[in-house]
Amino acid sequence: MDNIETSNGIIESTMFGIEDHGILTFSLLISGDGCVQGFGGISLERGKPRKGWGRGFELIRDILETLGVRKWEELLGTHCRIKHSFTKIHSIGHIIENRWVNIYDYTDDTLRV
């Protein structure tokens, strides 16, 4: 199992939209500790034809509420905490308050885009 570390970060870029394969998704690029890592990249849809997936939208709402913003566009430049391993960010949290969102509480790694 990966060694999990906690550090401060800043959201350098955001994406919420349809990726190259036509899948609705989101991603946050977060810099901290001299590197940049991504958070997100999971499908927010299920089935054929694709339909919005409730847990995916809960995740979006929980990210906004955890980081203390009301709109996706306000995430850019937001300071945060991250729990991460060498390969990925597992959780994102409020910079001061003990509020966290663990992406794996909403889905599993097989749904990555």
N, C-alpha and C. Protein backbone atom coordinates (compact mmCIF):
# COMPACT_ATOMS: atom_id res chain seq x y z
N MET A 1 0.84 -1.19 0.00
CA MET A 1 0.00 0.00 0.00
C MET A 1 0.88 1.25 0.00
N ASP A 2 0.43 2.27 -0.68
CA ASP A 2 1.18 3.51 -0.78
C ASP A 2 1.29 4.18 0.58
N ASN A 3 2.40 4.87 0.80
CA ASN A 3 2.59 5.67 1.99
C ASN A 3 1.84 6.99 1.80
N ILE A 4 0.85 7.28 2.65
CA ILE A 4 0.02 8.47 2.52
C ILE A 4 0.64 9.62 3.33
N GLU A 5 0.78 10.76 2.67
CA GLU A 5 1.28 11.98 3.32
C GLU A 5 0.21 13.06 3.23
N THR A 6 0.29 14.02 4.14
CA THR A 6 -0.61 15.17 4.12
C THR A 6 0.23 16.43 3.92
N SER A 7 -0.21 17.28 2.99
CA SER A 7 0.52 18.52 2.75
C SER A 7 -0.44 19.60 2.27
N ASN A 8 0.07 20.81 2.23
CA ASN A 8 -0.70 21.94 1.72
C ASN A 8 -0.57 22.01 0.20
N GLY A 9 -1.59 22.56 -0.43
CA GLY A 9 -1.55 22.71 -1.87
C GLY A 9 -2.37 23.91 -2.31
N ILE A 10 -2.30 24.19 -3.57
CA ILE A 10 -3.11 25.25 -4.18
C ILE A 10 -3.63 24.71 -5.51
N ILE A 11 -4.89 24.97 -5.79
CA ILE A 11 -5.49 24.49 -7.02
C ILE A 11 -5.04 25.39 -8.17
N GLU A 12 -4.27 24.81 -9.08
CA GLU A 12 -3.66 25.55 -10.19
C GLU A 12 -4.55 25.57 -11.43
N SER A 13 -5.36 24.53 -11.62
CA SER A 13 -6.28 24.53 -12.75
C SER A 13 -7.46 23.60 -12.44
N THR A 14 -8.56 23.86 -13.13
CA THR A 14 -9.78 23.07 -12.95
C THR A 14 -10.33 22.71 -14.31
N MET A 15 -11.05 21.60 -14.35
CA MET A 15 -11.76 21.20 -15.55
C MET A 15 -13.04 20.52 -15.11
N PHE A 16 -14.16 20.94 -15.67
CA PHE A 16 -15.43 20.27 -15.49
C PHE A 16 -16.08 20.26 -16.86
N GLY A 17 -16.21 19.07 -17.44
CA GLY A 17 -16.77 19.03 -18.78
C GLY A 17 -16.67 17.66 -19.39
N ILE A 18 -16.78 17.62 -20.70
CA ILE A 18 -16.77 16.37 -21.45
C ILE A 18 -15.38 16.16 -22.02
N GLU A 19 -14.76 15.03 -21.66
CA GLU A 19 -13.41 14.74 -22.12
C GLU A 19 -13.43 14.11 -23.50
N ASP A 20 -12.25 13.74 -24.02
CA ASP A 20 -12.09 13.29 -25.40
C ASP A 20 -12.97 12.11 -25.80
N HIS A 21 -13.31 11.24 -24.87
CA HIS A 21 -14.12 10.06 -25.18
C HIS A 21 -15.62 10.32 -24.97
N GLY A 22 -15.99 11.58 -24.72
CA GLY A 22 -17.39 11.93 -24.54
C GLY A 22 -17.93 11.69 -23.15
N ILE A 23 -17.05 11.58 -22.16
CA ILE A 23 -17.45 11.27 -20.79
C ILE A 23 -17.42 12.54 -19.94
N LEU A 24 -18.52 12.80 -19.24
CA LEU A 24 -18.57 13.94 -18.32
C LEU A 24 -17.69 13.64 -17.11
N THR A 25 -16.76 14.54 -16.82
CA THR A 25 -15.80 14.32 -15.75
C THR A 25 -15.33 15.65 -15.19
N PHE A 26 -14.43 15.59 -14.22
CA PHE A 26 -13.81 16.78 -13.65
C PHE A 26 -12.38 16.44 -13.26
N SER A 27 -11.56 17.46 -13.13
CA SER A 27 -10.23 17.27 -12.57
C SER A 27 -9.75 18.58 -11.96
N LEU A 28 -8.93 18.43 -10.94
CA LEU A 28 -8.25 19.56 -10.31
C LEU A 28 -6.77 19.26 -10.36
N LEU A 29 -5.95 20.21 -10.79
CA LEU A 29 -4.50 20.07 -10.71
C LEU A 29 -4.05 20.88 -9.52
N ILE A 30 -3.38 20.21 -8.59
CA ILE A 30 -3.02 20.82 -7.32
C ILE A 30 -1.51 20.77 -7.16
N SER A 31 -0.91 21.94 -6.92
CA SER A 31 0.54 21.98 -6.70
C SER A 31 0.82 22.05 -5.21
N GLY A 32 1.90 21.42 -4.83
CA GLY A 32 2.34 21.42 -3.44
C GLY A 32 3.55 20.52 -3.30
N ASP A 33 4.40 20.81 -2.35
CA ASP A 33 5.61 20.02 -2.11
C ASP A 33 6.46 19.88 -3.36
N GLY A 34 6.48 20.91 -4.22
CA GLY A 34 7.34 20.89 -5.39
C GLY A 34 6.84 20.04 -6.55
N CYS A 35 5.59 19.59 -6.51
CA CYS A 35 5.05 18.81 -7.62
C CYS A 35 3.60 19.19 -7.86
N VAL A 36 3.06 18.70 -8.96
CA VAL A 36 1.66 18.92 -9.30
C VAL A 36 1.02 17.55 -9.48
N GLN A 37 -0.14 17.35 -8.82
CA GLN A 37 -0.86 16.09 -8.95
C GLN A 37 -2.32 16.38 -9.29
N GLY A 38 -2.97 15.42 -9.92
CA GLY A 38 -4.36 15.56 -10.29
C GLY A 38 -5.29 14.90 -9.29
N PHE A 39 -6.48 15.45 -9.18
CA PHE A 39 -7.54 14.90 -8.33
C PHE A 39 -8.80 14.87 -9.17
N GLY A 40 -9.43 13.72 -9.28
CA GLY A 40 -10.64 13.60 -10.09
C GLY A 40 -10.44 12.60 -11.19
N GLY A 41 -10.92 12.96 -12.37
CA GLY A 41 -10.76 12.08 -13.53
C GLY A 41 -11.65 10.86 -13.49
N ILE A 42 -12.80 10.94 -12.81
CA ILE A 42 -13.73 9.83 -12.81
C ILE A 42 -14.97 10.21 -13.61
N SER A 43 -15.66 9.21 -14.12
CA SER A 43 -16.89 9.46 -14.87
C SER A 43 -18.00 9.88 -13.92
N LEU A 44 -18.73 10.91 -14.31
CA LEU A 44 -19.88 11.37 -13.55
C LEU A 44 -21.17 10.84 -14.16
N GLU A 45 -21.04 9.85 -15.06
CA GLU A 45 -22.19 9.27 -15.75
C GLU A 45 -22.15 7.75 -15.67
N ARG A 46 -23.30 7.15 -15.90
CA ARG A 46 -23.40 5.69 -15.93
C ARG A 46 -24.35 5.29 -17.06
N GLY A 47 -24.19 4.07 -17.55
CA GLY A 47 -25.13 3.48 -18.48
C GLY A 47 -24.98 3.90 -19.92
N LYS A 48 -25.83 3.32 -20.75
CA LYS A 48 -25.91 3.63 -22.17
C LYS A 48 -27.37 3.86 -22.50
N PRO A 49 -27.85 4.98 -22.96
CA PRO A 49 -27.04 6.18 -23.11
C PRO A 49 -26.60 6.71 -21.75
N ARG A 50 -25.56 7.51 -21.77
CA ARG A 50 -25.01 8.04 -20.53
C ARG A 50 -26.02 8.94 -19.83
N LYS A 51 -26.11 8.74 -18.52
CA LYS A 51 -26.98 9.57 -17.67
C LYS A 51 -26.18 10.00 -16.45
N GLY A 52 -26.49 11.18 -15.92
CA GLY A 52 -25.84 11.66 -14.71
C GLY A 52 -25.94 10.65 -13.58
N TRP A 53 -24.91 10.57 -12.78
CA TRP A 53 -24.80 9.59 -11.71
C TRP A 53 -24.84 10.33 -10.38
N GLY A 54 -25.82 10.03 -9.53
CA GLY A 54 -26.04 10.75 -8.29
C GLY A 54 -24.82 10.87 -7.39
N ARG A 55 -24.08 9.77 -7.19
CA ARG A 55 -22.90 9.82 -6.33
C ARG A 55 -21.83 10.75 -6.90
N GLY A 56 -21.73 10.81 -8.22
CA GLY A 56 -20.77 11.72 -8.85
C GLY A 56 -21.10 13.17 -8.56
N PHE A 57 -22.37 13.50 -8.59
CA PHE A 57 -22.76 14.88 -8.31
C PHE A 57 -22.70 15.20 -6.82
N GLU A 58 -22.89 14.19 -5.97
CA GLU A 58 -22.64 14.38 -4.53
C GLU A 58 -21.18 14.74 -4.31
N LEU A 59 -20.29 14.06 -5.02
CA LEU A 59 -18.86 14.33 -4.91
C LEU A 59 -18.54 15.77 -5.30
N ILE A 60 -19.10 16.24 -6.41
CA ILE A 60 -18.87 17.62 -6.84
C ILE A 60 -19.33 18.60 -5.75
N ARG A 61 -20.55 18.39 -5.25
CA ARG A 61 -21.09 19.27 -4.21
C ARG A 61 -20.21 19.22 -2.95
N ASP A 62 -19.78 18.03 -2.56
CA ASP A 62 -18.96 17.89 -1.35
C ASP A 62 -17.61 18.56 -1.50
N ILE A 63 -17.03 18.54 -2.70
CA ILE A 63 -15.77 19.25 -2.94
C ILE A 63 -15.99 20.75 -2.73
N LEU A 64 -17.05 21.29 -3.33
CA LEU A 64 -17.33 22.73 -3.19
C LEU A 64 -17.54 23.10 -1.72
N GLU A 65 -18.36 22.33 -1.02
CA GLU A 65 -18.65 22.64 0.38
C GLU A 65 -17.43 22.46 1.27
N THR A 66 -16.66 21.42 1.04
CA THR A 66 -15.46 21.17 1.84
C THR A 66 -14.46 22.31 1.71
N LEU A 67 -14.29 22.81 0.50
CA LEU A 67 -13.31 23.87 0.27
C LEU A 67 -13.87 25.27 0.49
N GLY A 68 -15.17 25.35 0.80
CA GLY A 68 -15.76 26.63 1.18
C GLY A 68 -16.03 27.58 0.02
N VAL A 69 -16.36 27.01 -1.16
CA VAL A 69 -16.72 27.85 -2.30
C VAL A 69 -18.11 27.46 -2.78
N ARG A 70 -18.75 28.35 -3.53
CA ARG A 70 -20.11 28.10 -4.01
C ARG A 70 -20.17 27.73 -5.48
N LYS A 71 -19.09 28.06 -6.23
CA LYS A 71 -19.07 27.79 -7.66
C LYS A 71 -17.76 27.10 -8.04
N TRP A 72 -17.84 26.24 -9.06
CA TRP A 72 -16.65 25.53 -9.54
C TRP A 72 -15.54 26.51 -9.92
N GLU A 73 -15.93 27.63 -10.53
CA GLU A 73 -14.95 28.61 -10.98
C GLU A 73 -14.16 29.22 -9.82
N GLU A 74 -14.71 29.21 -8.62
CA GLU A 74 -14.02 29.76 -7.45
C GLU A 74 -12.92 28.83 -6.92
N LEU A 75 -12.85 27.61 -7.41
CA LEU A 75 -11.83 26.67 -6.95
C LEU A 75 -10.42 27.09 -7.38
N LEU A 76 -10.31 27.73 -8.55
CA LEU A 76 -9.00 28.14 -9.06
C LEU A 76 -8.32 29.06 -8.06
N GLY A 77 -7.12 28.71 -7.65
CA GLY A 77 -6.36 29.50 -6.69
C GLY A 77 -6.67 29.21 -5.23
N THR A 78 -7.59 28.30 -4.97
CA THR A 78 -7.97 27.95 -3.60
C THR A 78 -6.86 27.14 -2.93
N HIS A 79 -6.50 27.54 -1.72
CA HIS A 79 -5.55 26.77 -0.92
C HIS A 79 -6.29 25.60 -0.28
N CYS A 80 -5.62 24.48 -0.19
CA CYS A 80 -6.26 23.28 0.34
C CYS A 80 -5.21 22.39 1.00
N ARG A 81 -5.67 21.31 1.58
CA ARG A 81 -4.81 20.26 2.10
C ARG A 81 -5.04 19.04 1.23
N ILE A 82 -4.03 18.23 1.06
CA ILE A 82 -4.21 16.98 0.31
C ILE A 82 -3.58 15.83 1.08
N LYS A 83 -4.24 14.69 0.99
CA LYS A 83 -3.67 13.42 1.45
C LYS A 83 -3.30 12.68 0.18
N HIS A 84 -2.02 12.39 0.03
CA HIS A 84 -1.55 11.85 -1.25
C HIS A 84 -0.46 10.83 -1.05
N SER A 85 -0.30 10.00 -2.05
CA SER A 85 0.82 9.08 -2.13
C SER A 85 1.70 9.56 -3.27
N PHE A 86 2.67 8.78 -3.60
CA PHE A 86 3.55 9.13 -4.70
C PHE A 86 2.78 9.19 -6.02
N THR A 87 1.74 8.36 -6.15
CA THR A 87 1.06 8.22 -7.43
C THR A 87 -0.25 8.99 -7.56
N LYS A 88 -0.91 9.36 -6.44
CA LYS A 88 -2.22 10.00 -6.58
C LYS A 88 -2.65 10.72 -5.31
N ILE A 89 -3.62 11.61 -5.50
CA ILE A 89 -4.27 12.29 -4.38
C ILE A 89 -5.48 11.45 -3.99
N HIS A 90 -5.56 11.12 -2.72
CA HIS A 90 -6.67 10.32 -2.21
C HIS A 90 -7.79 11.21 -1.67
N SER A 91 -7.42 12.31 -1.01
CA SER A 91 -8.39 13.19 -0.36
C SER A 91 -7.97 14.64 -0.53
N ILE A 92 -8.97 15.51 -0.54
CA ILE A 92 -8.72 16.95 -0.57
C ILE A 92 -9.48 17.54 0.61
N GLY A 93 -8.85 18.53 1.27
CA GLY A 93 -9.46 19.08 2.46
C GLY A 93 -9.34 20.59 2.55
N HIS A 94 -10.14 21.14 3.45
CA HIS A 94 -10.11 22.58 3.73
C HIS A 94 -8.74 22.94 4.30
N ILE A 95 -8.23 24.10 3.98
CA ILE A 95 -6.89 24.51 4.39
C ILE A 95 -6.76 24.66 5.90
N ILE A 96 -7.83 25.04 6.59
CA ILE A 96 -7.75 25.27 8.04
C ILE A 96 -8.62 24.29 8.83
N GLU A 97 -9.86 24.13 8.40
CA GLU A 97 -10.80 23.28 9.13
C GLU A 97 -10.59 21.81 8.78
N ASN A 98 -10.97 20.94 9.70
CA ASN A 98 -10.79 19.51 9.51
C ASN A 98 -11.97 18.93 8.71
N ARG A 99 -12.06 19.31 7.43
CA ARG A 99 -13.09 18.82 6.53
C ARG A 99 -12.39 18.20 5.32
N TRP A 100 -12.78 16.97 4.98
CA TRP A 100 -12.10 16.23 3.92
C TRP A 100 -13.10 15.56 2.99
N VAL A 101 -12.68 15.36 1.75
CA VAL A 101 -13.39 14.55 0.77
C VAL A 101 -12.41 13.51 0.25
N ASN A 102 -12.76 12.24 0.45
CA ASN A 102 -11.96 11.13 -0.09
C ASN A 102 -12.68 10.62 -1.33
N ILE A 103 -12.03 10.72 -2.48
CA ILE A 103 -12.66 10.36 -3.75
C ILE A 103 -13.10 8.90 -3.76
N TYR A 104 -12.39 8.03 -3.04
CA TYR A 104 -12.71 6.61 -3.05
C TYR A 104 -13.91 6.26 -2.18
N ASP A 105 -14.42 7.23 -1.42
CA ASP A 105 -15.68 7.02 -0.71
C ASP A 105 -16.87 7.09 -1.67
N TYR A 106 -16.67 7.63 -2.85
CA TYR A 106 -17.74 7.85 -3.82
C TYR A 106 -17.72 6.83 -4.96
N THR A 107 -16.59 6.24 -5.20
CA THR A 107 -16.46 5.33 -6.33
C THR A 107 -15.24 4.46 -6.11
N ASP A 108 -14.90 3.66 -7.09
CA ASP A 108 -13.66 2.90 -7.01
C ASP A 108 -12.77 3.25 -8.19
N ASP A 109 -11.56 2.80 -8.13
CA ASP A 109 -10.55 3.20 -9.11
C ASP A 109 -10.88 2.73 -10.53
N THR A 110 -11.79 1.78 -10.69
CA THR A 110 -12.11 1.27 -12.03
C THR A 110 -12.88 2.29 -12.85
N LEU A 111 -13.40 3.35 -12.23
CA LEU A 111 -14.19 4.33 -12.96
C LEU A 111 -13.37 5.52 -13.43
N ARG A 112 -12.06 5.45 -13.30
CA ARG A 112 -11.21 6.53 -13.78
C ARG A 112 -11.29 6.64 -15.29
N VAL A 113 -11.23 7.87 -15.78
CA VAL A 113 -11.31 8.11 -17.22
C VAL A 113 -9.92 8.10 -17.81
